[in-house]
Amino acid sequence: TRIEGRLHRPDETSAAELAALLHPTPAVCGSPRDPAAEMIHALEGYDRGFYAGAVGWTNAFGDGAWYVSLRCAETCGDQARLYAGAGIVEGSDPAAEADETSGKFQAVLRALGVDEASV
């Protein structure tokens, strides 16, 4: 969902500061944020790495754009670790979210030149 607005004091808040305040989003972490993050860490049992992280840019004026990484890959030589997922919110359909996640994995596999049938 695209959200737009105007800052009350734009010269006092950079895009990077806003990204830090908004990260992680409730869709990938839950709410309230801190207890949800602790529960996710305990249940998943692994570090998400760059998955669901903020990816973007900021210029010298503090302007920028930031996005949530819902698919990514860490590569080292001929090996890669892939991450993909979907934001779960009230009313989410688990089967649809699983299909969305599968599609994201397929896109990363294609980008890496991997035959999906061999995985």
PDB file of N, CA and C in Angstrom:
ATOM      1  N   THR A   1       0.842  -1.176   0.000  1.00  0.00           N
ATOM      2  CA  THR A   1       0.000   0.000   0.000  1.00  0.00           C
ATOM      3  C   THR A   1       0.881   1.229   0.000  1.00  0.00           C
ATOM      4  N   ARG A   2       0.611   2.113  -0.905  1.00  0.00           N
ATOM      5  CA  ARG A   2       1.377   3.355  -0.969  1.00  0.00           C
ATOM      6  C   ARG A   2       0.749   4.362  -0.008  1.00  0.00           C
ATOM      7  N   ILE A   3       1.573   4.957   0.833  1.00  0.00           N
ATOM      8  CA  ILE A   3       1.130   5.975   1.778  1.00  0.00           C
ATOM      9  C   ILE A   3       1.924   7.239   1.499  1.00  0.00           C
ATOM     10  N   GLU A   4       1.242   8.342   1.373  1.00  0.00           N
ATOM     11  CA  GLU A   4       1.907   9.619   1.133  1.00  0.00           C
ATOM     12  C   GLU A   4       1.487  10.613   2.196  1.00  0.00           C
ATOM     13  N   GLY A   5       2.359  11.554   2.481  1.00  0.00           N
ATOM     14  CA  GLY A   5       2.047  12.598   3.450  1.00  0.00           C
ATOM     15  C   GLY A   5       3.099  13.686   3.405  1.00  0.00           C
ATOM     16  N   ARG A   6       2.928  14.667   4.243  1.00  0.00           N
ATOM     17  CA  ARG A   6       3.887  15.772   4.338  1.00  0.00           C
ATOM     18  C   ARG A   6       4.434  15.819   5.759  1.00  0.00           C
ATOM     19  N   LEU A   7       5.730  16.000   5.857  1.00  0.00           N
ATOM     20  CA  LEU A   7       6.376  16.112   7.162  1.00  0.00           C
ATOM     21  C   LEU A   7       6.177  17.516   7.718  1.00  0.00           C
ATOM     22  N   HIS A   8       5.970  17.592   9.018  1.00  0.00           N
ATOM     23  CA  HIS A   8       5.828  18.906   9.652  1.00  0.00           C
ATOM     24  C   HIS A   8       7.148  19.675   9.632  1.00  0.00           C
ATOM     25  N   ARG A   9       8.247  18.964   9.815  1.00  0.00           N
ATOM     26  CA  ARG A   9       9.577  19.584   9.811  1.00  0.00           C
ATOM     27  C   ARG A   9      10.496  18.788   8.881  1.00  0.00           C
ATOM     28  N   PRO A  10      10.322  18.929   7.560  1.00  0.00           N
ATOM     29  CA  PRO A  10      11.088  18.104   6.618  1.00  0.00           C
ATOM     30  C   PRO A  10      12.595  18.305   6.706  1.00  0.00           C
ATOM     31  N   ASP A  11      13.042  19.462   7.146  1.00  0.00           N
ATOM     32  CA  ASP A  11      14.480  19.700   7.246  1.00  0.00           C
ATOM     33  C   ASP A  11      15.085  19.072   8.497  1.00  0.00           C
ATOM     34  N   GLU A  12      14.255  18.475   9.359  1.00  0.00           N
ATOM     35  CA  GLU A  12      14.755  17.859  10.589  1.00  0.00           C
ATOM     36  C   GLU A  12      14.688  16.330  10.564  1.00  0.00           C
ATOM     37  N   THR A  13      14.060  15.755   9.543  1.00  0.00           N
ATOM     38  CA  THR A  13      13.897  14.301   9.481  1.00  0.00           C
ATOM     39  C   THR A  13      14.303  13.799   8.104  1.00  0.00           C
ATOM     40  N   SER A  14      15.273  12.882   8.068  1.00  0.00           N
ATOM     41  CA  SER A  14      15.731  12.335   6.784  1.00  0.00           C
ATOM     42  C   SER A  14      14.924  11.093   6.414  1.00  0.00           C
ATOM     43  N   ALA A  15      15.022  10.712   5.160  1.00  0.00           N
ATOM     44  CA  ALA A  15      14.358   9.495   4.691  1.00  0.00           C
ATOM     45  C   ALA A  15      14.887   8.275   5.443  1.00  0.00           C
ATOM     46  N   ALA A  16      16.176   8.264   5.756  1.00  0.00           N
ATOM     47  CA  ALA A  16      16.755   7.137   6.494  1.00  0.00           C
ATOM     48  C   ALA A  16      16.176   7.059   7.905  1.00  0.00           C
ATOM     49  N   GLU A  17      15.968   8.208   8.546  1.00  0.00           N
ATOM     50  CA  GLU A  17      15.371   8.207   9.882  1.00  0.00           C
ATOM     51  C   GLU A  17      13.933   7.697   9.839  1.00  0.00           C
ATOM     52  N   LEU A  18      13.190   8.108   8.825  1.00  0.00           N
ATOM     53  CA  LEU A  18      11.818   7.618   8.679  1.00  0.00           C
ATOM     54  C   LEU A  18      11.800   6.110   8.453  1.00  0.00           C
ATOM     55  N   ALA A  19      12.700   5.619   7.611  1.00  0.00           N
ATOM     56  CA  ALA A  19      12.765   4.176   7.354  1.00  0.00           C
ATOM     57  C   ALA A  19      13.050   3.422   8.649  1.00  0.00           C
ATOM     58  N   ALA A  20      13.964   3.950   9.463  1.00  0.00           N
ATOM     59  CA  ALA A  20      14.297   3.297  10.729  1.00  0.00           C
ATOM     60  C   ALA A  20      13.099   3.280  11.680  1.00  0.00           C
ATOM     61  N   LEU A  21      12.318   4.360  11.681  1.00  0.00           N
ATOM     62  CA  LEU A  21      11.140   4.420  12.545  1.00  0.00           C
ATOM     63  C   LEU A  21      10.053   3.443  12.108  1.00  0.00           C
ATOM     64  N   LEU A  22       9.943   3.214  10.812  1.00  0.00           N
ATOM     65  CA  LEU A  22       8.886   2.358  10.273  1.00  0.00           C
ATOM     66  C   LEU A  22       9.281   0.888  10.184  1.00  0.00           C
ATOM     67  N   HIS A  23      10.560   0.577  10.369  1.00  0.00           N
ATOM     68  CA  HIS A  23      11.061  -0.783  10.197  1.00  0.00           C
ATOM     69  C   HIS A  23      11.140  -1.496  11.536  1.00  0.00           C
ATOM     70  N   PRO A  24      10.794  -2.753  11.624  1.00  0.00           N
ATOM     71  CA  PRO A  24      10.133  -3.539  10.588  1.00  0.00           C
ATOM     72  C   PRO A  24       8.635  -3.234  10.555  1.00  0.00           C
ATOM     73  N   THR A  25       8.047  -3.423   9.401  1.00  0.00           N
ATOM     74  CA  THR A  25       6.622  -3.140   9.258  1.00  0.00           C
ATOM     75  C   THR A  25       5.802  -4.199  10.000  1.00  0.00           C
ATOM     76  N   PRO A  26       4.597  -3.858  10.433  1.00  0.00           N
ATOM     77  CA  PRO A  26       3.750  -4.852  11.098  1.00  0.00           C
ATOM     78  C   PRO A  26       3.468  -6.072  10.218  1.00  0.00           C
ATOM     79  N   ALA A  27       3.450  -5.901   8.904  1.00  0.00           N
ATOM     80  CA  ALA A  27       3.148  -7.030   8.015  1.00  0.00           C
ATOM     81  C   ALA A  27       4.220  -8.106   8.053  1.00  0.00           C
ATOM     82  N   VAL A  28       5.458  -7.753   8.356  1.00  0.00           N
ATOM     83  CA  VAL A  28       6.529  -8.756   8.405  1.00  0.00           C
ATOM     84  C   VAL A  28       7.021  -9.018   9.824  1.00  0.00           C
ATOM     85  N   CYS A  29       6.523  -8.249  10.795  1.00  0.00           N
ATOM     86  CA  CYS A  29       6.970  -8.444  12.170  1.00  0.00           C
ATOM     87  C   CYS A  29       5.818  -8.668  13.135  1.00  0.00           C
ATOM     88  N   GLY A  30       4.740  -7.951  12.950  1.00  0.00           N
ATOM     89  CA  GLY A  30       3.626  -8.058  13.883  1.00  0.00           C
ATOM     90  C   GLY A  30       3.548  -6.831  14.772  1.00  0.00           C
ATOM     91  N   SER A  31       2.591  -6.870  15.662  1.00  0.00           N
ATOM     92  CA  SER A  31       2.370  -5.738  16.552  1.00  0.00           C
ATOM     93  C   SER A  31       1.792  -6.272  17.858  1.00  0.00           C
ATOM     94  N   PRO A  32       2.252  -5.772  18.988  1.00  0.00           N
ATOM     95  CA  PRO A  32       3.298  -4.772  19.157  1.00  0.00           C
ATOM     96  C   PRO A  32       4.660  -5.309  18.725  1.00  0.00           C
ATOM     97  N   ARG A  33       5.463  -4.412  18.179  1.00  0.00           N
ATOM     98  CA  ARG A  33       6.688  -4.769  17.471  1.00  0.00           C
ATOM     99  C   ARG A  33       7.669  -5.604  18.295  1.00  0.00           C
ATOM    100  N   ASP A  34       8.060  -5.132  19.473  1.00  0.00           N
ATOM    101  CA  ASP A  34       9.114  -5.832  20.222  1.00  0.00           C
ATOM    102  C   ASP A  34       8.721  -7.252  20.636  1.00  0.00           C
ATOM    103  N   PRO A  35       7.549  -7.463  21.258  1.00  0.00           N
ATOM    104  CA  PRO A  35       7.177  -8.845  21.590  1.00  0.00           C
ATOM    105  C   PRO A  35       7.005  -9.724  20.352  1.00  0.00           C
ATOM    106  N   ALA A  36       6.468  -9.147  19.279  1.00  0.00           N
ATOM    107  CA  ALA A  36       6.292  -9.922  18.046  1.00  0.00           C
ATOM    108  C   ALA A  36       7.643 -10.337  17.477  1.00  0.00           C
ATOM    109  N   ALA A  37       8.609  -9.424  17.475  1.00  0.00           N
ATOM    110  CA  ALA A  37       9.947  -9.737  16.960  1.00  0.00           C
ATOM    111  C   ALA A  37      10.599 -10.845  17.781  1.00  0.00           C
ATOM    112  N   GLU A  38      10.431 -10.802  19.097  1.00  0.00           N
ATOM    113  CA  GLU A  38      10.990 -11.847  19.959  1.00  0.00           C
ATOM    114  C   GLU A  38      10.352 -13.202  19.650  1.00  0.00           C
ATOM    115  N   MET A  39       9.040 -13.210  19.445  1.00  0.00           N
ATOM    116  CA  MET A  39       8.344 -14.463  19.147  1.00  0.00           C
ATOM    117  C   MET A  39       8.783 -15.022  17.796  1.00  0.00           C
ATOM    118  N   ILE A  40       8.898 -14.165  16.793  1.00  0.00           N
ATOM    119  CA  ILE A  40       9.342 -14.610  15.469  1.00  0.00           C
ATOM    120  C   ILE A  40      10.730 -15.221  15.563  1.00  0.00           C
ATOM    121  N   HIS A  41      11.629 -14.553  16.275  1.00  0.00           N
ATOM    122  CA  HIS A  41      12.998 -15.065  16.415  1.00  0.00           C
ATOM    123  C   HIS A  41      12.986 -16.445  17.085  1.00  0.00           C
ATOM    124  N   ALA A  42      12.173 -16.606  18.117  1.00  0.00           N
ATOM    125  CA  ALA A  42      12.109 -17.888  18.826  1.00  0.00           C
ATOM    126  C   ALA A  42      11.497 -18.985  17.954  1.00  0.00           C
ATOM    127  N   LEU A  43      10.458 -18.663  17.190  1.00  0.00           N
ATOM    128  CA  LEU A  43       9.768 -19.675  16.388  1.00  0.00           C
ATOM    129  C   LEU A  43      10.502 -20.030  15.104  1.00  0.00           C
ATOM    130  N   GLU A  44      11.105 -19.041  14.444  1.00  0.00           N
ATOM    131  CA  GLU A  44      11.770 -19.322  13.169  1.00  0.00           C
ATOM    132  C   GLU A  44      13.098 -20.033  13.376  1.00  0.00           C
ATOM    133  N   GLY A  45      13.814 -19.707  14.408  1.00  0.00           N
ATOM    134  CA  GLY A  45      15.062 -20.392  14.705  1.00  0.00           C
ATOM    135  C   GLY A  45      16.225 -20.055  13.783  1.00  0.00           C
ATOM    136  N   TYR A  46      16.123 -18.988  12.996  1.00  0.00           N
ATOM    137  CA  TYR A  46      17.245 -18.569  12.152  1.00  0.00           C
ATOM    138  C   TYR A  46      17.190 -17.055  11.972  1.00  0.00           C
ATOM    139  N   ASP A  47      18.319 -16.501  11.603  1.00  0.00           N
ATOM    140  CA  ASP A  47      18.413 -15.063  11.363  1.00  0.00           C
ATOM    141  C   ASP A  47      17.862 -14.763   9.976  1.00  0.00           C
ATOM    142  N   ARG A  48      16.984 -13.804   9.868  1.00  0.00           N
ATOM    143  CA  ARG A  48      16.397 -13.445   8.574  1.00  0.00           C
ATOM    144  C   ARG A  48      17.390 -12.755   7.644  1.00  0.00           C
ATOM    145  N   GLY A  49      18.530 -12.360   8.143  1.00  0.00           N
ATOM    146  CA  GLY A  49      19.504 -11.691   7.282  1.00  0.00           C
ATOM    147  C   GLY A  49      18.897 -10.439   6.668  1.00  0.00           C
ATOM    148  N   PHE A  50      18.999 -10.320   5.352  1.00  0.00           N
ATOM    149  CA  PHE A  50      18.460  -9.150   4.663  1.00  0.00           C
ATOM    150  C   PHE A  50      16.958  -9.256   4.410  1.00  0.00           C
ATOM    151  N   TYR A  51      16.384 -10.444   4.605  1.00  0.00           N
ATOM    152  CA  TYR A  51      14.957 -10.611   4.336  1.00  0.00           C
ATOM    153  C   TYR A  51      14.143  -9.660   5.214  1.00  0.00           C
ATOM    154  N   ALA A  52      13.197  -8.992   4.600  1.00  0.00           N
ATOM    155  CA  ALA A  52      12.282  -8.046   5.250  1.00  0.00           C
ATOM    156  C   ALA A  52      12.996  -6.787   5.727  1.00  0.00           C
ATOM    157  N   GLY A  53      14.232  -6.618   5.284  1.00  0.00           N
ATOM    158  CA  GLY A  53      14.971  -5.410   5.638  1.00  0.00           C
ATOM    159  C   GLY A  53      14.588  -4.235   4.761  1.00  0.00           C
ATOM    160  N   ALA A  54      15.019  -3.075   5.179  1.00  0.00           N
ATOM    161  CA  ALA A  54      14.776  -1.859   4.404  1.00  0.00           C
ATOM    162  C   ALA A  54      15.890  -1.700   3.371  1.00  0.00           C
ATOM    163  N   VAL A  55      15.506  -1.558   2.117  1.00  0.00           N
ATOM    164  CA  VAL A  55      16.460  -1.380   1.023  1.00  0.00           C
ATOM    165  C   VAL A  55      16.128  -0.057   0.351  1.00  0.00           C
ATOM    166  N   GLY A  56      17.112   0.804   0.221  1.00  0.00           N
ATOM    167  CA  GLY A  56      16.813   2.091  -0.402  1.00  0.00           C
ATOM    168  C   GLY A  56      18.020   2.990  -0.504  1.00  0.00           C
ATOM    169  N   TRP A  57      17.746   4.267  -0.631  1.00  0.00           N
ATOM    170  CA  TRP A  57      18.812   5.246  -0.808  1.00  0.00           C
ATOM    171  C   TRP A  57      18.433   6.553  -0.109  1.00  0.00           C
ATOM    172  N   THR A  58      19.448   7.310   0.247  1.00  0.00           N
ATOM    173  CA  THR A  58      19.284   8.651   0.794  1.00  0.00           C
ATOM    174  C   THR A  58      20.349   9.523   0.168  1.00  0.00           C
ATOM    175  N   ASN A  59      19.981  10.737  -0.252  1.00  0.00           N
ATOM    176  CA  ASN A  59      20.978  11.645  -0.819  1.00  0.00           C
ATOM    177  C   ASN A  59      21.466  12.639   0.236  1.00  0.00           C
ATOM    178  N   ALA A  60      22.341  13.540  -0.161  1.00  0.00           N
ATOM    179  CA  ALA A  60      22.941  14.501   0.766  1.00  0.00           C
ATOM    180  C   ALA A  60      21.911  15.444   1.386  1.00  0.00           C
ATOM    181  N   PHE A  61      20.754  15.577   0.769  1.00  0.00           N
ATOM    182  CA  PHE A  61      19.705  16.454   1.288  1.00  0.00           C
ATOM    183  C   PHE A  61      18.761  15.736   2.250  1.00  0.00           C
ATOM    184  N   GLY A  62      18.964  14.419   2.430  1.00  0.00           N
ATOM    185  CA  GLY A  62      18.099  13.636   3.310  1.00  0.00           C
ATOM    186  C   GLY A  62      16.896  13.044   2.614  1.00  0.00           C
ATOM    187  N   ASP A  63      16.760  13.320   1.304  1.00  0.00           N
ATOM    188  CA  ASP A  63      15.665  12.731   0.532  1.00  0.00           C
ATOM    189  C   ASP A  63      16.010  11.283   0.201  1.00  0.00           C
ATOM    190  N   GLY A  64      15.020  10.473  -0.055  1.00  0.00           N
ATOM    191  CA  GLY A  64      15.305   9.094  -0.419  1.00  0.00           C
ATOM    192  C   GLY A  64      14.045   8.293  -0.629  1.00  0.00           C
ATOM    193  N   ALA A  65      14.248   7.029  -0.880  1.00  0.00           N
ATOM    194  CA  ALA A  65      13.149   6.083  -1.057  1.00  0.00           C
ATOM    195  C   ALA A  65      13.578   4.757  -0.445  1.00  0.00           C
ATOM    196  N   TRP A  66      12.667   4.116   0.267  1.00  0.00           N
ATOM    197  CA  TRP A  66      12.968   2.865   0.951  1.00  0.00           C
ATOM    198  C   TRP A  66      11.862   1.858   0.700  1.00  0.00           C
ATOM    199  N   TYR A  67      12.241   0.593   0.584  1.00  0.00           N
ATOM    200  CA  TYR A  67      11.305  -0.487   0.289  1.00  0.00           C
ATOM    201  C   TYR A  67      11.601  -1.663   1.206  1.00  0.00           C
ATOM    202  N   VAL A  68      10.626  -2.535   1.389  1.00  0.00           N
ATOM    203  CA  VAL A  68      10.805  -3.745   2.197  1.00  0.00           C
ATOM    204  C   VAL A  68      11.211  -4.883   1.271  1.00  0.00           C
ATOM    205  N   SER A  69      12.307  -5.555   1.610  1.00  0.00           N
ATOM    206  CA  SER A  69      12.828  -6.651   0.798  1.00  0.00           C
ATOM    207  C   SER A  69      12.095  -7.948   1.147  1.00  0.00           C
ATOM    208  N   LEU A  70      11.099  -8.303   0.327  1.00  0.00           N
ATOM    209  CA  LEU A  70      10.349  -9.540   0.566  1.00  0.00           C
ATOM    210  C   LEU A  70      10.865 -10.702  -0.272  1.00  0.00           C
ATOM    211  N   ARG A  71      11.945 -10.482  -0.993  1.00  0.00           N
ATOM    212  CA  ARG A  71      12.662 -11.561  -1.675  1.00  0.00           C
ATOM    213  C   ARG A  71      14.106 -11.107  -1.816  1.00  0.00           C
ATOM    214  N   CYS A  72      15.027 -11.988  -1.533  1.00  0.00           N
ATOM    215  CA  CYS A  72      16.437 -11.641  -1.670  1.00  0.00           C
ATOM    216  C   CYS A  72      17.263 -12.928  -1.695  1.00  0.00           C
ATOM    217  N   ALA A  73      18.533 -12.778  -2.016  1.00  0.00           N
ATOM    218  CA  ALA A  73      19.452 -13.913  -2.049  1.00  0.00           C
ATOM    219  C   ALA A  73      20.806 -13.460  -1.538  1.00  0.00           C
ATOM    220  N   GLU A  74      21.435 -14.308  -0.772  1.00  0.00           N
ATOM    221  CA  GLU A  74      22.824 -14.107  -0.373  1.00  0.00           C
ATOM    222  C   GLU A  74      23.626 -15.133  -1.152  1.00  0.00           C
ATOM    223  N   THR A  75      24.620 -14.681  -1.890  1.00  0.00           N
ATOM    224  CA  THR A  75      25.399 -15.601  -2.716  1.00  0.00           C
ATOM    225  C   THR A  75      26.850 -15.623  -2.275  1.00  0.00           C
ATOM    226  N   CYS A  76      27.457 -16.781  -2.443  1.00  0.00           N
ATOM    227  CA  CYS A  76      28.876 -16.961  -2.163  1.00  0.00           C
ATOM    228  C   CYS A  76      29.365 -18.057  -3.106  1.00  0.00           C
ATOM    229  N   GLY A  77      30.133 -17.646  -4.106  1.00  0.00           N
ATOM    230  CA  GLY A  77      30.604 -18.612  -5.091  1.00  0.00           C
ATOM    231  C   GLY A  77      29.436 -19.233  -5.830  1.00  0.00           C
ATOM    232  N   ASP A  78      29.360 -20.573  -5.804  1.00  0.00           N
ATOM    233  CA  ASP A  78      28.278 -21.255  -6.515  1.00  0.00           C
ATOM    234  C   ASP A  78      27.104 -21.611  -5.600  1.00  0.00           C
ATOM    235  N   GLN A  79      27.062 -21.014  -4.421  1.00  0.00           N
ATOM    236  CA  GLN A  79      25.971 -21.288  -3.491  1.00  0.00           C
ATOM    237  C   GLN A  79      25.158 -20.021  -3.238  1.00  0.00           C
ATOM    238  N   ALA A  80      23.883 -20.211  -2.966  1.00  0.00           N
ATOM    239  CA  ALA A  80      23.001 -19.084  -2.660  1.00  0.00           C
ATOM    240  C   ALA A  80      22.000 -19.509  -1.598  1.00  0.00           C
ATOM    241  N   ARG A  81      21.701 -18.596  -0.716  1.00  0.00           N
ATOM    242  CA  ARG A  81      20.639 -18.791   0.269  1.00  0.00           C
ATOM    243  C   ARG A  81      19.542 -17.803  -0.090  1.00  0.00           C
ATOM    244  N   LEU A  82      18.345 -18.322  -0.363  1.00  0.00           N
ATOM    245  CA  LEU A  82      17.232 -17.489  -0.801  1.00  0.00           C
ATOM    246  C   LEU A  82      16.266 -17.240   0.345  1.00  0.00           C
ATOM    247  N   TYR A  83      15.695 -16.060   0.339  1.00  0.00           N
ATOM    248  CA  TYR A  83      14.669 -15.687   1.305  1.00  0.00           C
ATOM    249  C   TYR A  83      13.489 -15.116   0.535  1.00  0.00           C
ATOM    250  N   ALA A  84      12.299 -15.491   0.917  1.00  0.00           N
ATOM    251  CA  ALA A  84      11.093 -14.917   0.321  1.00  0.00           C
ATOM    252  C   ALA A  84       9.956 -15.094   1.311  1.00  0.00           C
ATOM    253  N   GLY A  85       8.996 -14.237   1.199  1.00  0.00           N
ATOM    254  CA  GLY A  85       7.854 -14.332   2.089  1.00  0.00           C
ATOM    255  C   GLY A  85       6.783 -13.353   1.683  1.00  0.00           C
ATOM    256  N   ALA A  86       5.757 -13.312   2.471  1.00  0.00           N
ATOM    257  CA  ALA A  86       4.635 -12.414   2.217  1.00  0.00           C
ATOM    258  C   ALA A  86       4.228 -11.775   3.537  1.00  0.00           C
ATOM    259  N   GLY A  87       3.680 -10.599   3.443  1.00  0.00           N
ATOM    260  CA  GLY A  87       3.192  -9.927   4.638  1.00  0.00           C
ATOM    261  C   GLY A  87       1.879 -10.557   5.081  1.00  0.00           C
ATOM    262  N   ILE A  88       1.800 -10.942   6.334  1.00  0.00           N
ATOM    263  CA  ILE A  88       0.592 -11.556   6.867  1.00  0.00           C
ATOM    264  C   ILE A  88      -0.148 -10.502   7.684  1.00  0.00           C
ATOM    265  N   VAL A  89      -1.357 -10.233   7.288  1.00  0.00           N
ATOM    266  CA  VAL A  89      -2.193  -9.264   7.994  1.00  0.00           C
ATOM    267  C   VAL A  89      -3.559  -9.894   8.247  1.00  0.00           C
ATOM    268  N   GLU A  90      -4.377  -9.225   9.038  1.00  0.00           N
ATOM    269  CA  GLU A  90      -5.717  -9.731   9.308  1.00  0.00           C
ATOM    270  C   GLU A  90      -6.448  -9.962   7.989  1.00  0.00           C
ATOM    271  N   GLY A  91      -7.031 -11.128   7.857  1.00  0.00           N
ATOM    272  CA  GLY A  91      -7.766 -11.455   6.641  1.00  0.00           C
ATOM    273  C   GLY A  91      -6.920 -12.118   5.567  1.00  0.00           C
ATOM    274  N   SER A  92      -5.613 -12.300   5.821  1.00  0.00           N
ATOM    275  CA  SER A  92      -4.762 -12.968   4.833  1.00  0.00           C
ATOM    276  C   SER A  92      -5.233 -14.402   4.610  1.00  0.00           C
ATOM    277  N   ASP A  93      -5.137 -14.859   3.380  1.00  0.00           N
ATOM    278  CA  ASP A  93      -5.477 -16.231   3.018  1.00  0.00           C
ATOM    279  C   ASP A  93      -4.175 -17.029   2.977  1.00  0.00           C
ATOM    280  N   PRO A  94      -3.975 -17.983   3.898  1.00  0.00           N
ATOM    281  CA  PRO A  94      -2.709 -18.718   3.944  1.00  0.00           C
ATOM    282  C   PRO A  94      -2.311 -19.347   2.611  1.00  0.00           C
ATOM    283  N   ALA A  95      -3.252 -19.929   1.884  1.00  0.00           N
ATOM    284  CA  ALA A  95      -2.924 -20.558   0.597  1.00  0.00           C
ATOM    285  C   ALA A  95      -2.457 -19.511  -0.407  1.00  0.00           C
ATOM    286  N   ALA A  96      -3.109 -18.373  -0.436  1.00  0.00           N
ATOM    287  CA  ALA A  96      -2.709 -17.302  -1.358  1.00  0.00           C
ATOM    288  C   ALA A  96      -1.337 -16.753  -0.984  1.00  0.00           C
ATOM    289  N   GLU A  97      -1.067 -16.631   0.314  1.00  0.00           N
ATOM    290  CA  GLU A  97       0.243 -16.140   0.758  1.00  0.00           C
ATOM    291  C   GLU A  97       1.334 -17.148   0.401  1.00  0.00           C
ATOM    292  N   ALA A  98       1.038 -18.454   0.529  1.00  0.00           N
ATOM    293  CA  ALA A  98       2.007 -19.487   0.149  1.00  0.00           C
ATOM    294  C   ALA A  98       2.283 -19.427  -1.349  1.00  0.00           C
ATOM    295  N   ASP A  99       1.246 -19.231  -2.156  1.00  0.00           N
ATOM    296  CA  ASP A  99       1.433 -19.100  -3.610  1.00  0.00           C
ATOM    297  C   ASP A  99       2.272 -17.871  -3.942  1.00  0.00           C
ATOM    298  N   GLU A 100       2.000 -16.764  -3.251  1.00  0.00           N
ATOM    299  CA  GLU A 100       2.773 -15.538  -3.480  1.00  0.00           C
ATOM    300  C   GLU A 100       4.244 -15.758  -3.139  1.00  0.00           C
ATOM    301  N   THR A 101       4.500 -16.427  -2.019  1.00  0.00           N
ATOM    302  CA  THR A 101       5.878 -16.703  -1.611  1.00  0.00           C
ATOM    303  C   THR A 101       6.565 -17.605  -2.624  1.00  0.00           C
ATOM    304  N   SER A 102       5.870 -18.624  -3.107  1.00  0.00           N
ATOM    305  CA  SER A 102       6.425 -19.515  -4.125  1.00  0.00           C
ATOM    306  C   SER A 102       6.793 -18.733  -5.382  1.00  0.00           C
ATOM    307  N   GLY A 103       5.924 -17.834  -5.803  1.00  0.00           N
ATOM    308  CA  GLY A 103       6.208 -17.007  -6.976  1.00  0.00           C
ATOM    309  C   GLY A 103       7.439 -16.144  -6.785  1.00  0.00           C
ATOM    310  N   LYS A 104       7.623 -15.644  -5.577  1.00  0.00           N
ATOM    311  CA  LYS A 104       8.811 -14.824  -5.297  1.00  0.00           C
ATOM    312  C   LYS A 104      10.073 -15.679  -5.367  1.00  0.00           C
ATOM    313  N   PHE A 105      10.016 -16.897  -4.823  1.00  0.00           N
ATOM    314  CA  PHE A 105      11.167 -17.791  -4.936  1.00  0.00           C
ATOM    315  C   PHE A 105      11.471 -18.090  -6.401  1.00  0.00           C
ATOM    316  N   GLN A 106      10.442 -18.359  -7.189  1.00  0.00           N
ATOM    317  CA  GLN A 106      10.646 -18.658  -8.611  1.00  0.00           C
ATOM    318  C   GLN A 106      11.315 -17.498  -9.330  1.00  0.00           C
ATOM    319  N   ALA A 107      10.928 -16.274  -9.003  1.00  0.00           N
ATOM    320  CA  ALA A 107      11.538 -15.104  -9.639  1.00  0.00           C
ATOM    321  C   ALA A 107      13.025 -15.010  -9.307  1.00  0.00           C
ATOM    322  N   VAL A 108      13.389 -15.292  -8.055  1.00  0.00           N
ATOM    323  CA  VAL A 108      14.799 -15.243  -7.660  1.00  0.00           C
ATOM    324  C   VAL A 108      15.568 -16.374  -8.336  1.00  0.00           C
ATOM    325  N   LEU A 109      14.994 -17.569  -8.381  1.00  0.00           N
ATOM    326  CA  LEU A 109      15.654 -18.691  -9.057  1.00  0.00           C
ATOM    327  C   LEU A 109      15.915 -18.367 -10.525  1.00  0.00           C
ATOM    328  N   ARG A 110      14.923 -17.801 -11.211  1.00  0.00           N
ATOM    329  CA  ARG A 110      15.108 -17.417 -12.617  1.00  0.00           C
ATOM    330  C   ARG A 110      16.209 -16.370 -12.750  1.00  0.00           C
ATOM    331  N   ALA A 111      16.235 -15.399 -11.849  1.00  0.00           N
ATOM    332  CA  ALA A 111      17.264 -14.353 -11.902  1.00  0.00           C
ATOM    333  C   ALA A 111      18.658 -14.947 -11.734  1.00  0.00           C
ATOM    334  N   LEU A 112      18.753 -16.033 -10.969  1.00  0.00           N
ATOM    335  CA  LEU A 112      20.038 -16.701 -10.756  1.00  0.00           C
ATOM    336  C   LEU A 112      20.341 -17.729 -11.840  1.00  0.00           C
ATOM    337  N   GLY A 113      19.412 -17.926 -12.771  1.00  0.00           N
ATOM    338  CA  GLY A 113      19.621 -18.889 -13.848  1.00  0.00           C
ATOM    339  C   GLY A 113      19.461 -20.328 -13.416  1.00  0.00           C
ATOM    340  N   VAL A 114      18.678 -20.571 -12.372  1.00  0.00           N
ATOM    341  CA  VAL A 114      18.475 -21.922 -11.855  1.00  0.00           C
ATOM    342  C   VAL A 114      17.206 -22.512 -12.464  1.00  0.00           C
ATOM    343  N   ASP A 115      17.312 -23.756 -12.933  1.00  0.00           N
ATOM    344  CA  ASP A 115      16.146 -24.472 -13.450  1.00  0.00           C
ATOM    345  C   ASP A 115      15.267 -24.840 -12.260  1.00  0.00           C
ATOM    346  N   GLU A 116      14.081 -24.280 -12.218  1.00  0.00           N
ATOM    347  CA  GLU A 116      13.182 -24.492 -11.084  1.00  0.00           C
ATOM    348  C   GLU A 116      12.845 -25.963 -10.878  1.00  0.00           C
ATOM    349  N   ALA A 117      12.809 -26.739 -11.938  1.00  0.00           N
ATOM    350  CA  ALA A 117      12.471 -28.160 -11.829  1.00  0.00           C
ATOM    351  C   ALA A 117      13.556 -28.941 -11.093  1.00  0.00           C
ATOM    352  N   SER A 118      14.780 -28.417 -11.054  1.00  0.00           N
ATOM    353  CA  SER A 118      15.884 -29.138 -10.409  1.00  0.00           C
ATOM    354  C   SER A 118      15.976 -28.847  -8.917  1.00  0.00           C
ATOM    355  N   VAL A 119      15.114 -27.979  -8.428  1.00  0.00           N
ATOM    356  CA  VAL A 119      15.182 -27.598  -7.009  1.00  0.00           C
ATOM    357  C   VAL A 119      14.182 -28.377  -6.209  1.00  0.00           C
TER     358      VAL A 119
END
